[in-house]
C-alpha atoms as a PDB file:
ATOM      1  CA  MET A   1      -8.580 -24.276  14.992  1.00  0.00           C
ATOM      2  CA  LEU A   2      -6.162 -27.112  14.473  1.00  0.00           C
ATOM      3  CA  ASP A   3      -6.961 -27.208  10.721  1.00  0.00           C
ATOM      4  CA  ASP A   4      -6.597 -23.490  10.356  1.00  0.00           C
ATOM      5  CA  ALA A   5      -3.088 -23.751  11.971  1.00  0.00           C
ATOM      6  CA  VAL A   6      -2.215 -26.811   9.692  1.00  0.00           C
ATOM      7  CA  ASP A   7      -3.197 -24.597   6.806  1.00  0.00           C
ATOM      8  CA  THR A   8      -1.346 -21.403   7.691  1.00  0.00           C
ATOM      9  CA  ASN A   9       1.744 -22.863   9.369  1.00  0.00           C
ATOM     10  CA  PRO A  10       2.261 -26.538   8.625  1.00  0.00           C
ATOM     11  CA  ASP A  11       6.064 -26.531   9.349  1.00  0.00           C
ATOM     12  CA  GLY A  12       5.711 -24.477  12.332  1.00  0.00           C
ATOM     13  CA  LEU A  13       6.357 -26.284  15.639  1.00  0.00           C
ATOM     14  CA  ALA A  14       2.972 -26.976  17.390  1.00  0.00           C
ATOM     15  CA  LEU A  15       4.349 -28.994  20.318  1.00  0.00           C
ATOM     16  CA  ARG A  16       7.883 -29.350  21.986  1.00  0.00           C
ATOM     17  CA  PHE A  17       8.436 -32.110  24.794  1.00  0.00           C
ATOM     18  CA  ARG A  18      11.394 -33.270  26.024  1.00  0.00           C
ATOM     19  CA  ASP A  19      13.549 -34.055  22.845  1.00  0.00           C
ATOM     20  CA  ALA A  20      10.364 -34.351  20.768  1.00  0.00           C
ATOM     21  CA  ASP A  21       9.042 -31.672  18.167  1.00  0.00           C
ATOM     22  CA  VAL A  22       5.749 -32.037  16.485  1.00  0.00           C
ATOM     23  CA  SER A  23       4.917 -29.833  13.599  1.00  0.00           C
ATOM     24  CA  TYR A  24       1.331 -28.402  12.893  1.00  0.00           C
ATOM     25  CA  ALA A  25       1.240 -30.775   9.929  1.00  0.00           C
ATOM     26  CA  GLN A  26       2.225 -33.806  12.181  1.00  0.00           C
ATOM     27  CA  LEU A  27      -0.285 -32.798  14.977  1.00  0.00           C
ATOM     28  CA  GLY A  28      -3.077 -32.532  12.507  1.00  0.00           C
ATOM     29  CA  ASP A  29      -2.262 -35.952  10.854  1.00  0.00           C
ATOM     30  CA  ALA A  30      -1.957 -37.486  14.185  1.00  0.00           C
ATOM     31  CA  ALA A  31      -5.163 -36.017  15.641  1.00  0.00           C
ATOM     32  CA  ALA A  32      -6.843 -37.306  12.416  1.00  0.00           C
ATOM     33  CA  ARG A  33      -5.651 -40.862  13.115  1.00  0.00           C
ATOM     34  CA  VAL A  34      -6.522 -40.896  16.724  1.00  0.00           C
ATOM     35  CA  ALA A  35     -10.267 -39.590  15.795  1.00  0.00           C
ATOM     36  CA  ALA A  36     -10.532 -42.351  13.015  1.00  0.00           C
ATOM     37  CA  GLY A  37      -9.187 -44.987  15.598  1.00  0.00           C
ATOM     38  CA  LEU A  38     -11.784 -43.834  18.116  1.00  0.00           C
ATOM     39  CA  GLN A  39     -14.761 -44.030  15.626  1.00  0.00           C
ATOM     40  CA  ALA A  40     -13.385 -47.445  14.389  1.00  0.00           C
ATOM     41  CA  SER A  41     -13.656 -48.721  17.986  1.00  0.00           C
ATOM     42  CA  GLY A  42     -17.420 -48.001  17.879  1.00  0.00           C
ATOM     43  CA  LEU A  43     -17.503 -44.512  19.399  1.00  0.00           C
ATOM     44  CA  GLN A  44     -20.302 -42.375  18.407  1.00  0.00           C
ATOM     45  CA  PRO A  45     -20.555 -38.518  18.497  1.00  0.00           C
ATOM     46  CA  GLY A  46     -21.460 -37.304  22.018  1.00  0.00           C
ATOM     47  CA  ASP A  47     -19.881 -40.366  23.809  1.00  0.00           C
ATOM     48  CA  ARG A  48     -17.546 -39.484  26.584  1.00  0.00           C
ATOM     49  CA  VAL A  49     -14.025 -40.442  26.625  1.00  0.00           C
ATOM     50  CA  ALA A  50     -12.084 -40.535  29.829  1.00  0.00           C
ATOM     51  CA  MET A  51      -8.144 -39.761  29.963  1.00  0.00           C
ATOM     52  CA  PHE A  52      -5.822 -40.226  32.880  1.00  0.00           C
ATOM     53  CA  MET A  53      -2.718 -38.737  31.665  1.00  0.00           C
ATOM     54  CA  PRO A  54       0.040 -36.604  32.535  1.00  0.00           C
ATOM     55  CA  ASN A  55       1.569 -33.617  30.731  1.00  0.00           C
ATOM     56  CA  CYS A  56       2.829 -35.151  27.411  1.00  0.00           C
ATOM     57  CA  VAL A  57       2.349 -34.961  23.512  1.00  0.00           C
ATOM     58  CA  GLU A  58      -0.331 -37.829  23.534  1.00  0.00           C
ATOM     59  CA  THR A  59      -2.693 -35.874  25.919  1.00  0.00           C
ATOM     60  CA  VAL A  60      -2.917 -32.984  23.278  1.00  0.00           C
ATOM     61  CA  LEU A  61      -3.603 -35.705  20.470  1.00  0.00           C
ATOM     62  CA  ILE A  62      -6.408 -37.255  22.645  1.00  0.00           C
ATOM     63  CA  TYR A  63      -8.118 -33.955  23.034  1.00  0.00           C
ATOM     64  CA  PHE A  64      -7.998 -33.003  19.426  1.00  0.00           C
ATOM     65  CA  GLY A  65      -8.956 -36.499  18.323  1.00  0.00           C
ATOM     66  CA  CYS A  66     -12.005 -36.432  20.610  1.00  0.00           C
ATOM     67  CA  PHE A  67     -12.873 -33.014  19.048  1.00  0.00           C
ATOM     68  CA  ARG A  68     -12.526 -34.146  15.586  1.00  0.00           C
ATOM     69  CA  ALA A  69     -14.767 -37.143  16.307  1.00  0.00           C
ATOM     70  CA  GLY A  70     -17.432 -35.117  17.948  1.00  0.00           C
ATOM     71  CA  LEU A  71     -16.568 -36.810  21.474  1.00  0.00           C
ATOM     72  CA  MET A  72     -16.542 -35.292  24.822  1.00  0.00           C
ATOM     73  CA  ALA A  73     -13.097 -35.500  26.264  1.00  0.00           C
ATOM     74  CA  VAL A  74     -13.199 -36.226  30.295  1.00  0.00           C
ATOM     75  CA  PRO A  75      -9.759 -35.372  31.693  1.00  0.00           C
ATOM     76  CA  VAL A  76      -9.050 -36.845  35.200  1.00  0.00           C
ATOM     77  CA  ASN A  77      -6.504 -35.308  37.296  1.00  0.00           C
ATOM     78  CA  HIS A  78      -3.421 -37.285  37.296  1.00  0.00           C
ATOM     79  CA  ARG A  79      -2.981 -36.958  40.836  1.00  0.00           C
ATOM     80  CA  ASP A  80      -6.207 -38.713  41.687  1.00  0.00           C
ATOM     81  CA  LEU A  81      -6.207 -41.856  43.605  1.00  0.00           C
ATOM     82  CA  ALA A  82      -8.033 -44.839  42.353  1.00  0.00           C
ATOM     83  CA  ARG A  83     -11.157 -44.354  44.036  1.00  0.00           C
ATOM     84  CA  GLU A  84     -11.382 -40.837  42.706  1.00  0.00           C
ATOM     85  CA  VAL A  85     -10.905 -41.905  39.036  1.00  0.00           C
ATOM     86  CA  GLU A  86     -13.540 -44.582  39.504  1.00  0.00           C
ATOM     87  CA  TYR A  87     -16.062 -41.862  40.774  1.00  0.00           C
ATOM     88  CA  ALA A  88     -15.194 -39.614  37.683  1.00  0.00           C
ATOM     89  CA  LEU A  89     -15.465 -42.613  35.319  1.00  0.00           C
ATOM     90  CA  ASN A  90     -18.838 -43.399  36.810  1.00  0.00           C
ATOM     91  CA  GLN A  91     -20.325 -40.027  37.357  1.00  0.00           C
ATOM     92  CA  SER A  92     -19.362 -38.787  33.826  1.00  0.00           C
ATOM     93  CA  GLY A  93     -20.698 -41.835  32.050  1.00  0.00           C
ATOM     94  CA  SER A  94     -17.629 -42.509  30.046  1.00  0.00           C
ATOM     95  CA  SER A  95     -17.561 -45.390  27.648  1.00  0.00           C
ATOM     96  CA  ALA A  96     -13.752 -45.226  26.854  1.00  0.00           C
ATOM     97  CA  PHE A  97     -10.772 -44.768  29.028  1.00  0.00           C
ATOM     98  CA  LEU A  98      -7.187 -43.905  27.836  1.00  0.00           C
ATOM     99  CA  VAL A  99      -4.448 -44.249  30.588  1.00  0.00           C
ATOM    100  CA  HIS A 100      -0.711 -43.319  30.551  1.00  0.00           C
ATOM    101  CA  GLU A 101       1.588 -46.304  31.548  1.00  0.00           C
ATOM    102  CA  ASP A 102       2.890 -44.219  34.483  1.00  0.00           C
ATOM    103  CA  LEU A 103      -0.465 -44.109  35.955  1.00  0.00           C
ATOM    104  CA  PHE A 104      -1.591 -47.638  34.939  1.00  0.00           C
ATOM    105  CA  GLY A 105      -0.913 -49.283  38.313  1.00  0.00           C
ATOM    106  CA  ARG A 106      -3.555 -47.332  39.944  1.00  0.00           C
ATOM    107  CA  VAL A 107      -6.412 -48.286  37.855  1.00  0.00           C
ATOM    108  CA  THR A 108      -5.706 -52.102  37.259  1.00  0.00           C
ATOM    109  CA  GLU A 109      -8.619 -53.314  39.506  1.00  0.00           C
ATOM    110  CA  MET A 110     -11.551 -51.336  38.694  1.00  0.00           C
ATOM    111  CA  PRO A 111     -14.817 -52.674  37.618  1.00  0.00           C
ATOM    112  CA  TYR A 112     -14.895 -51.744  34.144  1.00  0.00           C
ATOM    113  CA  ALA A 113     -17.765 -53.654  33.032  1.00  0.00           C
ATOM    114  CA  GLU A 114     -20.118 -52.198  35.888  1.00  0.00           C
ATOM    115  CA  LEU A 115     -18.762 -48.842  34.817  1.00  0.00           C
ATOM    116  CA  GLY A 116     -19.863 -49.015  31.424  1.00  0.00           C
ATOM    117  CA  ILE A 117     -16.230 -48.740  30.038  1.00  0.00           C
ATOM    118  CA  THR A 118     -15.994 -50.976  27.021  1.00  0.00           C
ATOM    119  CA  ARG A 119     -12.949 -49.652  25.245  1.00  0.00           C
ATOM    120  CA  ARG A 120      -9.464 -49.337  27.012  1.00  0.00           C
ATOM    121  CA  PHE A 121      -6.388 -48.031  25.736  1.00  0.00           C
ATOM    122  CA  VAL A 122      -2.693 -47.595  27.087  1.00  0.00           C
ATOM    123  CA  VAL A 123      -0.447 -44.797  26.191  1.00  0.00           C
ATOM    124  CA  GLY A 124       3.031 -46.446  26.274  1.00  0.00           C
ATOM    125  CA  ALA A 125       4.079 -50.038  27.293  1.00  0.00           C
ATOM    126  CA  VAL A 126       1.088 -52.296  26.897  1.00  0.00           C
ATOM    127  CA  PRO A 127       0.444 -54.528  30.136  1.00  0.00           C
ATOM    128  CA  ASP A 128       0.072 -58.099  30.252  1.00  0.00           C
ATOM    129  CA  SER A 129      -3.602 -57.694  30.862  1.00  0.00           C
ATOM    130  CA  PRO A 130      -6.770 -58.452  29.012  1.00  0.00           C
ATOM    131  CA  GLY A 131      -9.141 -55.950  27.939  1.00  0.00           C
ATOM    132  CA  TRP A 132      -6.360 -53.182  27.106  1.00  0.00           C
ATOM    133  CA  ALA A 133      -5.365 -52.125  23.535  1.00  0.00           C
ATOM    134  CA  PRO A 134      -2.339 -50.140  22.970  1.00  0.00           C
ATOM    135  CA  PHE A 135      -2.601 -46.380  21.846  1.00  0.00           C
ATOM    136  CA  SER A 136      -0.750 -47.056  18.937  1.00  0.00           C
ATOM    137  CA  ASP A 137      -3.587 -48.837  17.494  1.00  0.00           C
ATOM    138  CA  LEU A 138      -5.749 -45.666  17.278  1.00  0.00           C
ATOM    139  CA  LEU A 139      -2.606 -43.877  15.600  1.00  0.00           C
ATOM    140  CA  GLY A 140      -2.336 -46.687  13.284  1.00  0.00           C
ATOM    141  CA  ALA A 141      -5.720 -45.802  11.598  1.00  0.00           C
ATOM    142  CA  GLU A 142      -6.029 -44.176   8.361  1.00  0.00           C
ATOM    143  CA  PRO A 143      -6.899 -40.576   8.695  1.00  0.00           C
ATOM    144  CA  HIS A 144      -9.543 -40.558   5.966  1.00  0.00           C
ATOM    145  CA  VAL A 145     -12.701 -39.706   8.030  1.00  0.00           C
ATOM    146  CA  ALA A 146     -13.932 -36.373   7.778  1.00  0.00           C
ATOM    147  CA  PRO A 147     -14.201 -34.281  10.962  1.00  0.00           C
ATOM    148  CA  THR A 148     -17.664 -34.690  12.752  1.00  0.00           C
ATOM    149  CA  PRO A 149     -19.612 -31.350  12.469  1.00  0.00           C
ATOM    150  CA  VAL A 150     -19.901 -29.539  15.873  1.00  0.00           C
ATOM    151  CA  LYS A 151     -21.856 -26.627  16.640  1.00  0.00           C
ATOM    152  CA  PRO A 152     -20.603 -23.997  19.250  1.00  0.00           C
ATOM    153  CA  ASP A 153     -23.201 -25.252  21.804  1.00  0.00           C
ATOM    154  CA  ASP A 154     -21.922 -28.707  21.418  1.00  0.00           C
ATOM    155  CA  ASP A 155     -20.187 -30.137  24.496  1.00  0.00           C
ATOM    156  CA  ALA A 156     -16.465 -30.507  24.065  1.00  0.00           C
ATOM    157  CA  VAL A 157     -14.916 -31.417  27.547  1.00  0.00           C
ATOM    158  CA  MET A 158     -16.080 -32.428  31.102  1.00  0.00           C
ATOM    159  CA  ILE A 159     -13.515 -31.202  33.737  1.00  0.00           C
ATOM    160  CA  TYR A 160     -13.637 -31.955  37.303  1.00  0.00           C
ATOM    161  CA  THR A 161     -13.523 -29.722  40.194  1.00  0.00           C
ATOM    162  CA  SER A 162     -11.538 -30.249  43.293  1.00  0.00           C
ATOM    163  CA  GLY A 163     -14.420 -31.535  45.373  1.00  0.00           C
ATOM    164  CA  THR A 164     -13.460 -29.180  48.258  1.00  0.00           C
ATOM    165  CA  THR A 165     -17.290 -28.803  49.153  1.00  0.00           C
ATOM    166  CA  GLY A 166     -18.300 -32.313  48.560  1.00  0.00           C
ATOM    167  CA  ASN A 167     -17.831 -34.601  45.566  1.00  0.00           C
ATOM    168  CA  PRO A 168     -16.139 -33.253  42.599  1.00  0.00           C
ATOM    169  CA  LYS A 169     -18.466 -31.821  39.837  1.00  0.00           C
ATOM    170  CA  GLY A 170     -18.031 -32.447  36.280  1.00  0.00           C
ATOM    171  CA  VAL A 171     -18.026 -28.966  34.816  1.00  0.00           C
ATOM    172  CA  VAL A 172     -18.919 -28.987  30.959  1.00  0.00           C
ATOM    173  CA  TRP A 173     -17.346 -26.804  28.262  1.00  0.00           C
ATOM    174  CA  THR A 174     -18.795 -26.337  24.956  1.00  0.00           C
ATOM    175  CA  HIS A 175     -16.561 -25.720  21.827  1.00  0.00           C
ATOM    176  CA  GLY A 176     -17.913 -22.097  21.482  1.00  0.00           C
ATOM    177  CA  ALA A 177     -16.717 -21.518  25.149  1.00  0.00           C
ATOM    178  CA  LEU A 178     -13.308 -23.038  24.678  1.00  0.00           C
ATOM    179  CA  ALA A 179     -12.786 -20.996  21.416  1.00  0.00           C
ATOM    180  CA  ARG A 180     -14.041 -17.814  23.072  1.00  0.00           C
ATOM    181  CA  LEU A 181     -11.738 -18.391  25.973  1.00  0.00           C
ATOM    182  CA  ALA A 182      -8.731 -19.030  23.596  1.00  0.00           C
ATOM    183  CA  ASP A 183      -9.904 -15.627  21.678  1.00  0.00           C
ATOM    184  CA  VAL A 184      -9.523 -13.851  25.047  1.00  0.00           C
ATOM    185  CA  ILE A 185      -6.148 -15.169  26.151  1.00  0.00           C
ATOM    186  CA  ALA A 186      -4.495 -14.614  22.735  1.00  0.00           C
ATOM    187  CA  GLU A 187      -5.740 -11.003  22.902  1.00  0.00           C
ATOM    188  CA  LEU A 188      -4.637 -10.409  26.662  1.00  0.00           C
ATOM    189  CA  PHE A 189      -1.145 -11.866  26.063  1.00  0.00           C
ATOM    190  CA  HIS A 190      -0.671 -10.822  22.260  1.00  0.00           C
ATOM    191  CA  PHE A 191      -0.208 -14.382  20.950  1.00  0.00           C
ATOM    192  CA  ASP A 192       0.851 -14.775  17.177  1.00  0.00           C
ATOM    193  CA  ALA A 193       2.560 -17.636  15.279  1.00  0.00           C
ATOM    194  CA  THR A 194       5.998 -16.676  16.539  1.00  0.00           C
ATOM    195  CA  THR A 195       4.815 -17.049  20.376  1.00  0.00           C
ATOM    196  CA  VAL A 196       6.573 -19.731  22.584  1.00  0.00           C
ATOM    197  CA  GLN A 197       4.472 -20.835  25.503  1.00  0.00           C
ATOM    198  CA  ALA A 198       5.553 -23.203  28.339  1.00  0.00           C
ATOM    199  CA  LEU A 199       2.868 -25.454  30.060  1.00  0.00           C
ATOM    200  CA  PRO A 200       4.181 -26.911  33.103  1.00  0.00           C
ATOM    201  CA  THR A 201       0.607 -26.729  34.656  1.00  0.00           C
ATOM    202  CA  PRO A 202      -1.655 -29.748  33.888  1.00  0.00           C
ATOM    203  CA  ILE A 203      -3.167 -29.552  30.775  1.00  0.00           C
ATOM    204  CA  THR A 204      -6.085 -31.874  32.025  1.00  0.00           C
ATOM    205  CA  HIS A 205      -7.219 -28.806  33.756  1.00  0.00           C
ATOM    206  CA  ILE A 206      -9.000 -25.930  32.153  1.00  0.00           C
ATOM    207  CA  GLY A 207      -6.071 -23.384  32.801  1.00  0.00           C
ATOM    208  CA  GLY A 208      -3.615 -25.510  31.057  1.00  0.00           C
ATOM    209  CA  LEU A 209      -6.199 -26.607  28.441  1.00  0.00           C
ATOM    210  CA  SER A 210      -7.223 -23.002  27.499  1.00  0.00           C
ATOM    211  CA  HIS A 211      -3.769 -22.012  27.091  1.00  0.00           C
ATOM    212  CA  CYS A 212      -2.828 -24.981  24.890  1.00  0.00           C
ATOM    213  CA  LEU A 213      -5.704 -24.257  22.809  1.00  0.00           C
ATOM    214  CA  THR A 214      -4.916 -20.513  22.549  1.00  0.00           C
ATOM    215  CA  ALA A 215      -1.456 -21.407  21.068  1.00  0.00           C
ATOM    216  CA  VAL A 216      -3.157 -23.637  18.562  1.00  0.00           C
ATOM    217  CA  ARG A 217      -5.555 -20.868  17.778  1.00  0.00           C
ATOM    218  CA  ALA A 218      -2.401 -18.690  17.013  1.00  0.00           C
ATOM    219  CA  ALA A 219      -0.536 -21.389  15.258  1.00  0.00           C
ATOM    220  CA  ALA A 220       2.104 -20.947  17.901  1.00  0.00           C
ATOM    221  CA  THR A 221       4.401 -23.169  19.850  1.00  0.00           C
ATOM    222  CA  ASN A 222       3.436 -25.248  23.022  1.00  0.00           C
ATOM    223  CA  VAL A 223       6.204 -26.281  25.239  1.00  0.00           C
ATOM    224  CA  ILE A 224       4.838 -29.067  27.411  1.00  0.00           C
ATOM    225  CA  ILE A 225       6.586 -29.736  30.838  1.00  0.00           C
ATOM    226  CA  GLU A 226       5.937 -32.561  33.100  1.00  0.00           C
ATOM    227  CA  SER A 227       5.518 -30.492  36.136  1.00  0.00           C
ATOM    228  CA  ALA A 228       6.289 -26.963  37.819  1.00  0.00           C
ATOM    229  CA  ASP A 229       9.461 -28.276  39.255  1.00  0.00           C
ATOM    230  CA  PRO A 230      11.884 -25.214  38.841  1.00  0.00           C
ATOM    231  CA  GLU A 231      14.732 -27.775  37.856  1.00  0.00           C
ATOM    232  CA  LEU A 232      12.541 -28.632  34.730  1.00  0.00           C
ATOM    233  CA  VAL A 233      11.183 -25.359  34.104  1.00  0.00           C
ATOM    234  CA  LEU A 234      14.216 -23.146  34.122  1.00  0.00           C
ATOM    235  CA  PRO A 235      16.185 -25.217  31.687  1.00  0.00           C
ATOM    236  CA  ALA A 236      13.068 -25.180  29.387  1.00  0.00           C
ATOM    237  CA  LEU A 237      12.581 -21.477  29.477  1.00  0.00           C
ATOM    238  CA  GLU A 238      16.277 -21.041  28.325  1.00  0.00           C
ATOM    239  CA  ARG A 239      16.529 -23.880  25.834  1.00  0.00           C
ATOM    240  CA  PHE A 240      13.354 -23.180  23.946  1.00  0.00           C
ATOM    241  CA  GLY A 241      13.319 -19.333  24.043  1.00  0.00           C
ATOM    242  CA  VAL A 242       9.972 -19.219  26.043  1.00  0.00           C
ATOM    243  CA  HIS A 243       7.894 -16.115  25.965  1.00  0.00           C
ATOM    244  CA  GLY A 244       5.131 -16.837  28.252  1.00  0.00           C
ATOM    245  CA  LEU A 245       4.559 -19.158  31.116  1.00  0.00           C
ATOM    246  CA  LEU A 246       1.488 -20.454  32.986  1.00  0.00           C
ATOM    247  CA  LEU A 247       1.825 -21.212  36.741  1.00  0.00           C
ATOM    248  CA  LEU A 248      -0.316 -21.938  39.671  1.00  0.00           C
ATOM    249  CA  PRO A 249       0.893 -19.740  42.946  1.00  0.00           C
ATOM    250  CA  THR A 250       2.482 -22.705  44.233  1.00  0.00           C
ATOM    251  CA  GLY A 251       4.583 -23.073  41.201  1.00  0.00           C
ATOM    252  CA  LEU A 252       5.216 -19.425  41.030  1.00  0.00           C
ATOM    253  CA  ASP A 253       6.435 -19.637  44.620  1.00  0.00           C
ATOM    254  CA  GLU A 254       8.995 -22.717  44.011  1.00  0.00           C
ATOM    255  CA  LEU A 255      10.215 -20.734  41.019  1.00  0.00           C
ATOM    256  CA  VAL A 256      10.902 -17.651  43.088  1.00  0.00           C
ATOM    257  CA  GLU A 257      12.309 -19.697  45.976  1.00  0.00           C
ATOM    258  CA  VAL A 258      14.974 -21.660  44.069  1.00  0.00           C
ATOM    259  CA  ASP A 259      18.292 -20.016  43.689  1.00  0.00           C
ATOM    260  CA  GLU A 260      19.144 -20.813  40.176  1.00  0.00           C
ATOM    261  CA  HIS A 261      17.864 -17.902  38.075  1.00  0.00           C
ATOM    262  CA  ASP A 262      21.239 -16.311  37.263  1.00  0.00           C
ATOM    263  CA  ARG A 263      22.383 -19.612  35.816  1.00  0.00           C
ATOM    264  CA  HIS A 264      19.629 -19.462  32.931  1.00  0.00           C
ATOM    265  CA  ASP A 265      19.220 -16.887  30.143  1.00  0.00           C
ATOM    266  CA  LEU A 266      15.451 -15.877  30.632  1.00  0.00           C
ATOM    267  CA  SER A 267      15.741 -12.564  28.429  1.00  0.00           C
ATOM    268  CA  ALA A 268      13.038 -14.107  26.042  1.00  0.00           C
ATOM    269  CA  LEU A 269      10.288 -14.180  28.900  1.00  0.00           C
ATOM    270  CA  ARG A 270       7.775 -11.500  28.560  1.00  0.00           C
ATOM    271  CA  TRP A 271       5.017 -12.609  30.709  1.00  0.00           C
ATOM    272  CA  VAL A 272       3.898 -14.997  33.382  1.00  0.00           C
ATOM    273  CA  ALA A 273       0.115 -15.722  34.243  1.00  0.00           C
ATOM    274  CA  CYS A 274      -0.515 -17.122  37.539  1.00  0.00           C
ATOM    275  CA  GLY A 275      -3.950 -18.035  38.829  1.00  0.00           C
ATOM    276  CA  GLY A 276      -6.317 -20.623  40.160  1.00  0.00           C
ATOM    277  CA  ASP A 277      -5.727 -19.320  43.667  1.00  0.00           C
ATOM    278  CA  LYS A 278      -4.587 -16.007  45.182  1.00  0.00           C
ATOM    279  CA  VAL A 279      -1.310 -14.876  44.535  1.00  0.00           C
ATOM    280  CA  PRO A 280       0.077 -13.191  47.802  1.00  0.00           C
ATOM    281  CA  LEU A 281       1.426  -9.789  47.253  1.00  0.00           C
ATOM    282  CA  GLU A 282       4.665 -10.620  48.928  1.00  0.00           C
ATOM    283  CA  LEU A 283       5.083 -13.580  46.188  1.00  0.00           C
ATOM    284  CA  HIS A 284       4.142 -11.018  43.709  1.00  0.00           C
ATOM    285  CA  ARG A 285       6.837  -8.364  44.840  1.00  0.00           C
ATOM    286  CA  ARG A 286       9.635 -11.124  45.095  1.00  0.00           C
ATOM    287  CA  PHE A 287       8.767 -12.167  41.585  1.00  0.00           C
ATOM    288  CA  GLN A 288       8.962  -8.758  40.166  1.00  0.00           C
ATOM    289  CA  GLU A 289      12.182  -8.240  41.907  1.00  0.00           C
ATOM    290  CA  ILE A 290      13.723 -11.564  40.054  1.00  0.00           C
END
């Protein structure tokens, strides 16, 4: 999917995050470097790579680096506490772990040797701590390694449930399932290369990930936002001329409640997808009025 987007729309914007713009050519090159770096670290196709990341450009790079290298990405909820992260690392059988600098303080004391984590990388500032390497080491790899062939039934990601009925379960999505889901979303919301989509929901969850992949499928633009805070979302919708927006019901409720809509030009917005929980009819009505 990414290679196709690079071929058809190399100069098109793949990602926009804060003041950073990433073209499809740049995304393809960076993903190839991450894949080569992960392979050079000794990881083999089928190995599991855990990631403890917020919404940012590097999260997308890690996904596509794993996909290109035939590795299974294991995103961990960025809101998880240390014991919940440790559970996911142990239960998933991950052998590598990538952590954002903002979340690093939660995972410094884990028994990584006992968990079988043999490779650890920090995205951002490198802490003065043994056993950790900078993410820049991966980006510095030469992207000459050909993509690892994968079949539709090969595992692509393992995403954990909320654990409301016991311990969280690692739900495995295959490459074929993710591609089909992207096709369905693209058809439903009429994605094409001109579409600009905003993602304030976590792209380490299947909702955010599937919509992110849908934009790549169409060689469209993903606007990544740190959270569903209306003070971040509304300016981004105006600044980037966003056509579509993915939200959880709590995020939609916050967007409706804030009294800021008239201060922003939202005329480009064509659709809002909302799910993951029931959307109360009253919330739907108030949103439609706005």
